[in-house]
Amino acid sequence: MHLPHTLVYLCLLIALGSVGLGDQTTHQQAPTAAAPAAAEAAAVPEEAEQCSSCEIRQQIKTMRLNAIKSQILSKLRLKHAPNISRDVMKQLLPKAPPLQELLDQYDVLGDDNQDGLIEEDDEHAVTETIMLIATEPDSVVQVNRTPRCCFFSFSQKIQANRILRAQLWVHLRASEEDTTVFLQISRLMPSTDGSRHIGIRSLKIDVNAGVSSWKSIDVKQVLSVWLRQPETNWGIEINAYDAEGNDLVATSVEPGEEGLQPFMEVQVSEGPKRTRRDSGLDCDENSPESRCCRYPLTVDFEDFGWDWVIAPKRYKANYCSGECEYMYLQKYPHTHLVHKASPRGNAGPCCTPTKMSPINMLYFNRKEQIIYGKLPSMVVDRCGCS
């Protein structure tokens, strides 16, 4: 005989609390006020019980969505969602190859998630790639507001020994004729320190008439110095003059050149990973299954009003629902031991996530920097009774 559905509902707070804190939250004791309700539910007809199950699942879905919103902000260490509108996002998004490659990956993967990997850090996002948009340098390195580009602000959490790759991307405007340009990158210094420019790189580039293009330059060594000695980071100046003396580098946002300003693509190493096997019971919304089961749930960030999330626009989060009968305690000895030690032993085992996996997310942070990172424990892969 199944446990009353009311008792199942009392497990929801336990299940959602576990999801919201990365499977590490301590379970709270079920309210004692549920006892009279449980007695009444015992006499409910089977048809009414099925309807009650649908209502409970709908309540779980609503609570799971609310938990996910709080969970994402917590993992990204954000108190509030970044206030970035869709129009601003379109202006800031670089129209560049590395970003397009990431977006193409989401187009190929769609809403599917890659299972099998779980991050050791179950609490916060693990950054993989950061795209830093160039801003205007400090006035101490400028003369008559020149140069107007480029300064890159780095978080103190980025460690030099974890940098795998650092590429500076610049966009060259179309030239009127075939020509050769010399792309020069100079490190900026305050004018009081003597020379304001220290050469970093000089590249010879052949340009075809009427063709604009993106060029990438390896700046890992420069970035490593900046991270170890932040006081030396005053920014860089980028120029690419053609034979007529025209600077072809798009360093400021002119009309029609939105998303073409220089940016830096930095890849950071991740921590160790471990793998686990996936198993468990899966159900759909029309399933008559009453046991603990995993149900599909799609999170749509546009429904949240989160324009700051670039990709994915939606993903499959899933949720757990169903009854945990006492026979589970005999089938799974470990669960039996947990049940005996639990202060909520009288309430019976609850249906909760027992395995979760991460998602990759491309988003703007509060500084309007583009981050490509991994958020752990965002997808329910398996549900069980505990």
Foldseek 3Di string as FASTA:
>chain_A
DFQFVLLQLQCLVQFLQCLLALNPDDGDARDPVCVVVSVVSVPDDPVVSLVVQLVSVVVSQVSNLVSLVNSQCQQAVHPDFAPAALVNLQLAAAPDVVVVVVVVVCVVCPQDDDDWKFAPPSRHWWFFKWKWFFAAFDCQQDDPSPPRDGATDDDLPAALVFWPFKKKKWKFAAAQAWWKKKKWKWAADGVVVPDGTHTDDIDIDTHHHPDMDMDIDTCSVVVSVCSVPVVSRRHMDIFIQTPVRDTGTDQDDDVPCRNRHMIMMIGGDGDDIDTDDFDAAADESPDPDQAKHKYWDKHAVVVVVNSQWPPDRMYIAIFIGHTDDPVVCVVDVVLVVVLVPDPNVVSAWHKHQPDFAWGWTWGADNVRITTTIINGSRHRRYIDTD
